[in-house]
Protein backbone atom coordinates (compact mmCIF):
# COMPACT_ATOMS: atom_id res chain seq x y z
CA MET A 1 102.43 54.23 50.15
CA PRO A 2 99.30 55.39 51.25
CA LEU A 3 97.09 56.66 48.01
CA PRO A 4 96.99 60.64 49.75
CA LEU A 5 100.67 60.52 50.16
CA PHE A 6 100.65 59.42 46.67
CA ALA A 7 99.18 62.28 45.59
CA LEU A 8 101.18 65.04 47.55
CA PHE A 9 104.06 62.90 45.95
CA LEU A 10 103.13 63.79 42.52
CA ALA A 11 102.36 67.42 42.88
CA ALA A 12 105.61 67.59 44.55
CA PHE A 13 107.31 65.71 41.30
CA ALA A 14 105.57 68.14 38.92
CA PHE A 15 107.15 71.32 41.09
CA GLY A 16 110.22 69.87 41.41
CA THR A 17 110.53 69.20 37.49
CA THR A 18 109.21 72.34 36.33
CA GLU A 19 112.07 73.85 38.52
CA PHE A 20 115.06 72.29 37.22
CA VAL A 21 113.94 71.04 33.71
CA ILE A 22 114.36 74.45 32.60
CA ALA A 23 118.63 73.38 32.60
CA GLY A 24 118.08 70.64 30.06
CA ILE A 25 115.84 73.22 27.32
CA LEU A 26 117.82 76.63 28.21
CA PRO A 27 119.43 76.74 24.67
CA ASP A 28 116.07 76.19 23.19
CA VAL A 29 114.53 78.58 25.07
CA ALA A 30 117.11 81.26 24.64
CA GLN A 31 116.44 80.54 20.77
CA GLY A 32 112.90 80.38 21.03
CA LEU A 33 112.93 83.71 23.04
CA ASP A 34 115.16 85.56 21.14
CA VAL A 35 117.80 86.36 24.42
CA SER A 36 121.10 84.97 24.93
CA ILE A 37 121.71 81.69 26.97
CA PRO A 38 123.22 83.60 29.58
CA PHE A 39 120.06 85.87 29.94
CA ALA A 40 117.92 83.05 29.98
CA GLY A 41 119.66 81.92 33.18
CA TYR A 42 117.42 84.47 34.84
CA LEU A 43 114.30 82.01 34.25
CA VAL A 44 116.52 80.04 36.88
CA SER A 45 117.11 82.68 39.16
CA GLY A 46 113.88 84.15 39.20
CA TYR A 47 112.12 80.97 40.12
CA ALA A 48 114.35 80.43 43.13
CA LEU A 49 113.94 84.21 44.26
CA GLY A 50 109.77 83.28 43.64
CA ILE A 51 110.13 80.39 46.15
CA ALA A 52 112.33 81.89 48.36
CA ILE A 53 110.23 85.25 49.19
CA GLY A 54 106.80 84.61 47.88
CA GLY A 55 106.60 81.02 48.89
CA PRO A 56 106.87 81.81 52.73
CA LEU A 57 104.83 85.03 52.48
CA LEU A 58 101.78 83.35 50.74
CA THR A 59 102.27 80.56 53.53
CA MET A 60 101.46 83.13 56.23
CA ALA A 61 98.75 84.88 54.51
CA THR A 62 96.91 81.58 53.84
CA ARG A 63 97.19 80.00 57.58
CA GLN A 64 93.02 80.52 58.18
CA VAL A 65 92.59 78.44 55.16
CA SER A 66 91.69 74.81 54.86
CA ARG A 67 95.05 72.83 53.83
CA ARG A 68 93.31 71.10 51.52
CA THR A 69 91.84 73.70 49.74
CA ILE A 70 94.98 75.51 49.57
CA LEU A 71 96.61 72.42 47.95
CA ILE A 72 93.87 72.22 45.54
CA ALA A 73 94.47 76.21 44.64
CA LEU A 74 98.40 75.93 44.54
CA THR A 75 98.18 72.91 41.96
CA ILE A 76 95.69 74.76 39.90
CA ALA A 77 98.16 77.76 40.05
CA PHE A 78 100.76 75.02 38.64
CA CYS A 79 98.91 74.18 35.91
CA LEU A 80 98.01 77.35 34.60
CA GLY A 81 101.62 78.52 35.03
CA GLN A 82 102.89 75.75 32.91
CA ILE A 83 100.20 76.40 30.24
CA ALA A 84 101.27 80.24 30.41
CA CYS A 85 104.95 79.59 29.83
CA ALA A 86 104.09 77.21 27.08
CA LEU A 87 102.19 80.04 25.07
CA ALA A 88 104.71 82.88 26.33
CA PRO A 89 105.61 85.40 23.46
CA ASP A 90 108.64 86.73 24.89
CA PHE A 91 111.01 86.59 28.09
CA ALA A 92 109.39 88.79 30.44
CA THR A 93 106.16 87.15 30.08
CA MET A 94 107.84 83.66 30.42
CA LEU A 95 109.60 84.87 33.53
CA LEU A 96 106.77 86.45 34.94
CA PHE A 97 104.88 83.23 34.85
CA ARG A 98 107.80 81.32 36.10
CA VAL A 99 107.69 83.44 39.43
CA ALA A 100 104.33 83.36 39.82
CA THR A 101 104.76 79.58 39.77
CA ALA A 102 107.47 79.48 42.14
CA ILE A 103 105.58 81.32 44.80
CA ALA A 104 103.02 78.38 44.44
CA HIS A 105 105.61 75.95 44.66
CA GLY A 106 107.41 77.42 47.78
CA ALA A 107 104.01 77.74 49.87
CA TYR A 108 103.02 73.76 48.67
CA PHE A 109 106.18 71.89 50.06
CA GLY A 110 105.70 73.71 53.31
CA ILE A 111 102.11 73.01 53.77
CA ALA A 112 102.11 69.07 52.11
CA MET A 113 104.83 68.54 54.90
CA VAL A 114 102.10 69.41 57.60
CA VAL A 115 99.45 67.76 55.56
CA ALA A 116 101.52 64.67 55.31
CA VAL A 117 102.33 64.18 58.95
CA GLY A 118 99.10 64.46 59.73
CA LEU A 119 98.12 61.62 57.52
CA VAL A 120 99.93 58.86 59.49
CA PRO A 121 100.70 57.88 62.84
CA GLN A 122 103.47 59.49 65.00
CA ALA A 123 106.23 56.68 64.36
CA PHE A 124 105.74 57.11 60.22
CA ARG A 125 105.75 60.73 60.29
CA GLY A 126 109.69 60.91 59.04
CA ARG A 127 108.73 58.58 56.40
CA ALA A 128 106.00 60.72 55.35
CA VAL A 129 108.01 63.87 55.17
CA ALA A 130 110.65 61.64 52.95
CA VAL A 131 107.75 60.77 50.65
CA ILE A 132 107.30 64.43 49.84
CA LEU A 133 110.87 65.17 49.37
CA ALA A 134 111.26 62.04 47.14
CA GLY A 135 109.08 63.89 44.74
CA LEU A 136 112.15 66.39 44.06
CA THR A 137 114.87 63.47 43.91
CA VAL A 138 112.56 61.33 41.38
CA SER A 139 111.67 64.67 39.64
CA ASN A 140 115.89 64.73 38.71
CA ILE A 141 115.84 61.18 37.72
CA ILE A 142 112.85 61.10 35.46
CA GLY A 143 111.00 64.54 35.18
CA VAL A 144 113.91 66.47 34.23
CA PRO A 145 115.77 63.95 31.64
CA VAL A 146 112.39 62.96 30.14
CA GLY A 147 111.37 66.99 30.02
CA ALA A 148 114.49 67.90 28.14
CA ALA A 149 113.96 64.77 25.84
CA ILE A 150 110.66 65.66 24.87
CA GLY A 151 111.39 69.45 24.38
CA GLY A 152 114.86 68.16 21.92
CA LEU A 153 111.94 65.87 19.96
CA TRP A 154 109.10 68.21 19.76
CA GLY A 155 110.25 71.78 20.85
CA TRP A 156 110.67 73.16 24.15
CA ARG A 157 107.33 74.39 24.64
CA THR A 158 105.64 70.86 24.24
CA THR A 159 108.04 70.05 27.63
CA PHE A 160 105.36 72.74 29.38
CA TRP A 161 102.36 71.25 27.99
CA ALA A 162 103.28 68.07 28.92
CA MET A 163 104.13 69.12 32.77
CA THR A 164 100.30 70.82 32.50
CA SER A 165 99.52 66.92 31.74
CA VAL A 166 101.37 66.16 35.05
CA GLY A 167 99.84 68.97 36.90
CA VAL A 168 95.89 68.25 36.16
CA LEU A 169 96.94 64.10 37.38
CA ALA A 170 98.26 65.58 40.46
CA LEU A 171 95.25 68.09 41.00
CA ALA A 172 92.84 65.18 40.30
CA ALA A 173 94.62 63.29 43.05
CA ILE A 174 94.50 65.92 45.60
CA TRP A 175 90.78 66.65 45.40
CA ALA A 176 89.74 62.69 45.30
CA LEU A 177 92.22 61.69 47.99
CA ILE A 178 93.26 64.09 50.66
CA PRO A 179 91.19 64.22 53.36
CA SER A 180 89.96 68.27 54.74
CA THR A 181 92.04 69.66 56.98
CA LYS A 182 92.46 72.56 59.08
CA ALA A 183 95.21 75.33 59.50
CA GLU A 184 96.56 75.14 63.51
CA LEU A 185 97.23 78.94 65.29
CA GLN A 186 100.57 79.12 66.94
CA PRO A 187 100.22 80.56 70.55
CA SER A 188 101.50 84.34 71.27
CA GLY A 189 105.11 84.42 71.62
CA HIS A 190 105.66 81.81 69.79
CA PHE A 191 107.14 83.62 66.54
CA SER A 192 109.56 86.07 68.72
CA ARG A 193 111.30 82.30 70.22
CA GLU A 194 111.14 81.07 66.54
CA VAL A 195 113.22 84.26 65.26
CA ARG A 196 115.91 84.34 68.75
CA VAL A 197 116.76 80.70 67.56
CA LEU A 198 118.36 81.80 64.25
CA GLY A 199 121.08 83.82 66.12
CA ARG A 200 122.82 80.71 67.26
CA GLN A 201 125.70 79.91 65.20
CA GLN A 202 125.04 76.58 64.11
CA VAL A 203 122.06 77.73 62.52
CA TRP A 204 123.58 80.76 60.64
CA THR A 205 126.58 78.84 59.98
CA SER A 206 124.33 76.12 58.47
CA LEU A 207 122.68 78.73 56.34
CA ILE A 208 125.90 80.10 54.88
CA ILE A 209 126.97 76.33 54.17
CA MET A 210 123.60 75.80 52.14
CA LEU A 211 124.19 78.93 50.04
CA ALA A 212 128.05 77.93 48.99
CA LEU A 213 126.42 74.37 48.43
CA MET A 214 124.06 75.66 45.69
CA ILE A 215 126.74 77.93 44.39
CA GLY A 216 128.84 75.06 43.71
CA GLN A 217 126.16 72.74 42.39
CA MET A 218 124.06 75.71 40.42
CA VAL A 219 126.46 77.41 38.56
CA PRO A 220 127.58 74.70 36.75
CA PHE A 221 123.80 72.75 36.55
CA THR A 222 122.04 76.21 35.10
CA TYR A 223 124.43 75.89 31.92
CA ILE A 224 124.85 72.24 32.00
CA THR A 225 123.19 71.51 28.51
CA PRO A 226 125.45 74.16 26.69
CA LEU A 227 128.57 73.35 28.47
CA LEU A 228 127.99 69.38 27.30
CA ARG A 229 127.37 70.54 23.89
CA GLU A 230 130.19 73.09 23.47
CA VAL A 231 132.72 71.97 25.98
CA THR A 232 132.24 68.38 26.16
CA GLY A 233 131.05 68.10 22.61
CA LEU A 234 127.97 65.64 22.96
CA ASP A 235 125.41 65.65 20.71
CA ALA A 236 122.14 66.99 22.04
CA MET A 237 119.86 63.94 22.12
CA LEU A 238 122.52 62.44 24.51
CA ILE A 239 122.33 65.00 27.25
CA PRO A 240 118.89 63.86 28.65
CA TRP A 241 120.93 60.73 29.56
CA ILE A 242 123.63 62.81 31.14
CA LEU A 243 120.90 64.42 33.23
CA LEU A 244 119.58 60.82 34.35
CA LEU A 245 122.62 59.83 35.54
CA ASN A 246 122.70 63.20 37.84
CA GLY A 247 119.72 62.06 39.16
CA VAL A 248 120.28 58.52 39.91
CA GLY A 249 123.54 60.21 41.59
CA ALA A 250 121.12 62.51 43.62
CA THR A 251 119.16 59.42 44.87
CA LEU A 252 122.25 57.47 45.83
CA GLY A 253 123.41 60.96 47.88
CA VAL A 254 120.23 61.73 49.76
CA LEU A 255 120.52 57.77 50.95
CA LEU A 256 124.13 58.18 51.82
CA GLY A 257 123.58 61.62 53.44
CA GLY A 258 120.97 60.41 55.54
CA ARG A 259 123.15 57.77 56.72
CA LEU A 260 126.23 59.92 57.49
CA SER A 261 123.94 62.17 59.60
CA ASP A 262 122.76 60.02 61.65
CA TRP A 263 126.06 58.24 62.30
CA LYS A 264 128.64 61.47 62.44
CA LEU A 265 126.96 64.73 61.20
CA MET A 266 129.87 67.34 61.48
CA PRO A 267 132.59 65.23 60.59
CA SER A 268 131.00 63.74 57.76
CA LEU A 269 129.59 67.03 56.47
CA ILE A 270 133.43 68.35 56.72
CA VAL A 271 134.90 65.58 54.41
CA MET A 272 132.04 65.72 52.06
CA LEU A 273 132.48 69.63 51.27
CA GLY A 274 136.59 69.05 50.83
CA ILE A 275 135.37 66.11 48.65
CA GLN A 276 132.97 67.96 46.51
CA ALA A 277 135.55 70.93 46.35
CA ALA A 278 138.12 68.52 44.88
CA ILE A 279 135.34 67.15 42.43
CA LEU A 280 134.66 70.45 41.16
CA VAL A 281 138.30 70.85 40.10
CA VAL A 282 138.26 67.38 38.37
CA PHE A 283 134.89 68.55 36.50
CA TYR A 284 137.05 71.50 35.17
CA LEU A 285 139.59 69.27 34.42
CA VAL A 286 137.84 66.88 32.73
CA SER A 287 135.09 68.77 30.85
CA PRO A 288 136.36 68.08 27.27
CA TYR A 289 136.74 64.21 27.69
CA PRO A 290 132.92 62.73 27.35
CA LEU A 291 133.23 59.35 29.66
CA LEU A 292 135.49 61.11 32.06
CA MET A 293 132.83 63.84 32.49
CA THR A 294 129.90 61.58 32.45
CA VAL A 295 131.53 59.86 35.52
CA THR A 296 132.33 63.17 37.18
CA ILE A 297 128.66 64.53 36.72
CA LEU A 298 127.33 61.00 38.64
CA VAL A 299 129.34 61.54 41.43
CA TRP A 300 128.94 65.49 41.58
CA GLY A 301 125.31 64.92 41.77
CA ALA A 302 125.57 62.38 44.49
CA LEU A 303 127.54 64.64 46.50
CA ASN A 304 125.46 67.64 45.89
CA PHE A 305 122.51 65.93 47.42
CA ALA A 306 124.61 63.80 50.41
CA ILE A 307 125.73 67.12 51.82
CA GLY A 308 122.02 68.84 51.96
CA ALA A 309 121.13 66.04 54.23
CA PRO A 310 123.32 66.74 57.23
CA VAL A 311 123.06 70.77 56.43
CA GLN A 312 119.45 70.46 56.87
CA ALA A 313 119.73 68.20 60.01
CA ARG A 314 121.81 70.46 61.58
CA ILE A 315 119.67 73.38 61.47
CA LEU A 316 116.69 71.21 62.74
CA MET A 317 118.63 69.89 65.50
CA TRP A 318 119.72 73.09 66.85
CA THR A 319 116.23 74.89 66.58
CA ALA A 320 114.48 72.02 68.02
CA ASP A 321 113.04 74.34 70.50
CA ALA A 322 111.32 76.65 67.86
CA PRO A 323 111.70 74.51 64.55
CA SER A 324 108.93 76.08 62.61
CA LEU A 325 110.30 79.39 61.01
CA ALA A 326 113.94 77.70 60.66
CA SER A 327 112.00 74.85 58.79
CA SER A 328 110.40 77.12 56.29
CA LEU A 329 113.87 78.87 55.77
CA ILE A 330 115.45 75.61 54.79
CA PRO A 331 113.87 75.57 51.30
CA SER A 332 114.45 79.49 50.98
CA GLY A 333 117.88 79.16 51.75
CA PHE A 334 118.53 76.85 49.04
CA ASN A 335 116.52 78.69 46.50
CA ILE A 336 118.56 81.85 47.63
CA GLY A 337 121.54 79.93 46.72
CA ILE A 338 120.29 78.72 43.13
CA ALA A 339 119.39 82.38 42.55
CA ILE A 340 122.81 83.46 43.29
CA ALA A 341 124.20 81.11 41.36
CA ALA A 342 122.19 81.90 38.02
CA VAL A 343 123.25 85.24 38.46
CA ILE A 344 126.54 84.91 39.18
CA GLY A 345 126.98 82.31 36.56
CA ALA A 346 125.47 84.73 33.92
CA ALA A 347 127.65 87.29 35.14
CA LEU A 348 130.61 85.26 34.13
CA LEU A 349 129.35 84.10 31.03
CA GLU A 350 128.35 87.59 29.86
CA GLY A 351 132.09 88.85 31.34
CA GLY A 352 133.70 86.88 28.75
CA TYR A 353 134.58 83.74 30.51
CA GLY A 354 133.73 80.34 29.27
CA TYR A 355 131.47 77.30 30.16
CA ARG A 356 134.31 75.46 31.51
CA SER A 357 134.99 78.35 34.02
CA LEU A 358 131.71 77.91 36.02
CA PRO A 359 133.12 74.93 38.14
CA VAL A 360 136.19 76.41 39.24
CA LEU A 361 134.10 79.20 40.99
CA GLY A 362 131.70 76.29 42.23
CA ALA A 363 135.00 74.44 44.00
CA VAL A 364 136.14 77.95 45.52
CA ALA A 365 132.71 78.12 47.50
CA LEU A 366 132.76 74.94 48.42
CA ALA A 367 136.37 75.27 49.81
CA LEU A 368 135.07 78.48 51.77
CA ALA A 369 132.08 76.30 52.95
CA CYS A 370 134.28 73.44 54.27
CA GLY A 371 136.30 76.05 56.09
CA VAL A 372 133.12 77.40 57.72
CA ALA A 373 132.06 73.94 58.88
CA ILE A 374 135.65 73.17 60.56
CA LEU A 375 135.44 76.94 62.05
CA SER A 376 131.82 76.01 63.60
CA ALA A 377 132.63 72.71 64.66
CA ALA A 378 135.39 73.77 66.72
CA HIS A 379 133.75 76.65 68.38
CA GLU A 380 130.89 74.43 69.26
CA LYS A 381 133.30 71.88 70.63
CA ARG A 382 135.44 74.54 72.68
CA ILE A 383 132.56 76.06 74.63
CA GLY A 384 130.61 72.60 75.08
CA ALA A 385 127.48 73.38 73.23
CA VAL A 386 124.58 71.20 73.33
CA PRO A 387 121.45 70.60 71.33
CA PRO A 388 118.34 72.00 72.59
CA VAL A 389 115.43 69.80 73.53
CA ALA A 390 112.49 69.76 71.19
CA VAL A 391 109.05 71.40 72.59
CA PHE A 392 105.73 71.21 71.35
CA SER A 393 103.45 74.30 71.34
């Protein structure tokens, strides 16, 4: 891996870890800030909305600034955000700084991918983007379970101090290794073309599927630690190992989903959505049994990330003639789904439903997504629609 790409990977790892590690320490954070666990779940939805809304706005507002300068500024914002979260005296303060960090997160990934593809020859651009995305995957394998373990041993505030140290390493790497870069302005008329392609049914149905996928994933995952403690009966020190298995499943899923997307995209997507709906039913049934629950979480994690690959590939395929806006909406769509999932999960728990009910809602969402995918593919086949040819502005 070229050293400049490693610098971008390290910052992506830091941002990914701080987004998802909250699930591993949620009960401790809730206790420390004197709120209920469901209410603490709004730290997840707030972060997701910060990415989805603030990230694109910040990216648009900084188009005239050197990309290297922006990457440095965003990484500094990450470090300051972790320090602020570690010192937060109450829930409102914690939420405010989580959202501020999330805005930097949302802007970072769009800019980092543009910088990454500019650092390598054209034949290696796909792999350069994969390096940035790998930061998110590795954060689930290493960052989240390690962060949860640190929180379990030394308190949840220590987790954020540890994340600060990772951010400082990423900042030093970006400062030393990323060359000076400039933003590129789009020609007039480009934005209107970008907006028009979002009206294609393949694009908006894929966004619906994306939202359903995130409900199926994040409604249970946001509250995975209390679920494993109270329903499955696992010791708190075993939970980081379960999160590690989930991360391993996510990595296997990324590899599987990419291959299936290149093979037969829509048939693979439809089958995986159906299987995932069934897996979430199994999730509900086996949740009191530790061994079966562990295996189910591994498979569930793999399918979550396997499904994400063809959904993103489909959006990019059908917006190839105007990809910029659609590409920026992909992380926004995922994070709007995460925000909705956290709010729905909190509402269910506060309404008296137990943690075990959470995968049931996910199963319903995935079943509906499977139906949407079937109807979309059938309509596409019936009218003989052909994906657009890529154009370069």
